[in-house]
Amino acid sequence: MIPSVQLIPGALSEMIATVAETKVLTRADRYGLMAALLDESLSEEELEATNRLVRAVLKGRVKVLDRISVEV
């Protein structure tokens, strides 16, 4: 049995906005992205935004860091 995953309201849009600004995807962001993809209640808009983020990583426009957060 897979445990239920629920996102904090607004967490996905906040993460996507932060990644768009910093051009960096952290380990914490990846866990948030994983939770978003496992959440079966994503809206079409949220799913499209998640897909855009994944494409940006694949195209090299967003750097993936093995750190919990980006140091400002």
Protein backbone atom coordinates (compact mmCIF):
# COMPACT_ATOMS: atom_id res chain seq x y z
CA MET A 1 0.00 0.00 0.00
CA ILE A 2 1.36 3.42 -1.02
CA PRO A 3 1.03 6.12 1.66
CA SER A 4 -1.17 9.10 0.84
CA VAL A 5 0.66 12.24 -0.26
CA GLN A 6 -0.87 15.66 0.17
CA LEU A 7 0.73 18.91 -0.87
CA ILE A 8 0.59 22.06 1.17
CA PRO A 9 -1.72 24.46 -0.69
CA GLY A 10 0.35 26.77 -2.89
CA ALA A 11 3.57 24.78 -2.36
CA LEU A 12 3.88 23.68 -5.98
CA SER A 13 3.39 27.15 -7.44
CA GLU A 14 5.82 28.62 -4.89
CA MET A 15 8.44 26.01 -5.75
CA ILE A 16 8.05 26.57 -9.48
CA ALA A 17 8.32 30.35 -9.03
CA THR A 18 11.48 29.95 -6.93
CA VAL A 19 13.08 27.58 -9.44
CA ALA A 20 12.19 29.96 -12.29
CA GLU A 21 13.92 32.79 -10.42
CA THR A 22 17.03 30.91 -9.27
CA LYS A 23 17.34 28.45 -12.19
CA VAL A 24 18.25 25.82 -9.56
CA LEU A 25 16.37 22.71 -8.48
CA THR A 26 17.41 21.58 -4.99
CA ARG A 27 16.94 18.22 -3.29
CA ALA A 28 14.01 19.67 -1.33
CA ASP A 29 12.47 20.88 -4.59
CA ARG A 30 12.85 17.41 -6.08
CA TYR A 31 11.02 15.88 -3.12
CA GLY A 32 8.27 18.48 -3.58
CA LEU A 33 8.11 17.66 -7.27
CA MET A 34 7.89 13.95 -6.48
CA ALA A 35 5.05 14.61 -4.03
CA ALA A 36 3.28 16.71 -6.65
CA LEU A 37 3.51 13.97 -9.23
CA LEU A 38 2.21 11.39 -6.76
CA ASP A 39 -0.72 13.64 -5.83
CA GLU A 40 -3.63 12.49 -7.95
CA SER A 41 -5.56 15.71 -7.38
CA LEU A 42 -3.32 18.06 -9.40
CA SER A 43 -5.16 20.44 -11.66
CA GLU A 44 -4.39 20.49 -15.38
CA GLU A 45 -2.57 23.80 -14.88
CA GLU A 46 -0.39 22.38 -12.09
CA LEU A 47 0.42 19.31 -14.15
CA GLU A 48 1.44 21.46 -17.12
CA ALA A 49 3.64 23.64 -14.90
CA THR A 50 5.30 20.53 -13.48
CA ASN A 51 5.92 19.22 -16.98
CA ARG A 52 7.47 22.56 -18.02
CA LEU A 53 9.80 22.38 -15.03
CA VAL A 54 10.91 18.85 -15.92
CA ARG A 55 11.53 19.90 -19.55
CA ALA A 56 13.59 22.88 -18.36
CA VAL A 57 15.78 20.50 -16.34
CA LEU A 58 16.16 18.13 -19.29
CA LYS A 59 17.13 20.99 -21.61
CA GLY A 60 19.72 22.27 -19.14
CA ARG A 61 17.98 25.57 -18.39
CA VAL A 62 17.64 24.58 -14.72
CA LYS A 63 20.60 23.21 -12.78
CA VAL A 64 20.02 20.30 -10.38
CA LEU A 65 21.90 20.61 -7.07
CA ASP A 66 22.39 17.91 -4.47
CA ARG A 67 21.75 20.37 -1.65
CA ILE A 68 18.68 20.90 0.48
CA SER A 69 18.41 24.61 -0.32
CA VAL A 70 19.97 27.38 -2.36
CA GLU A 71 22.17 29.70 -0.33
CA VAL A 72 21.11 33.26 -0.96
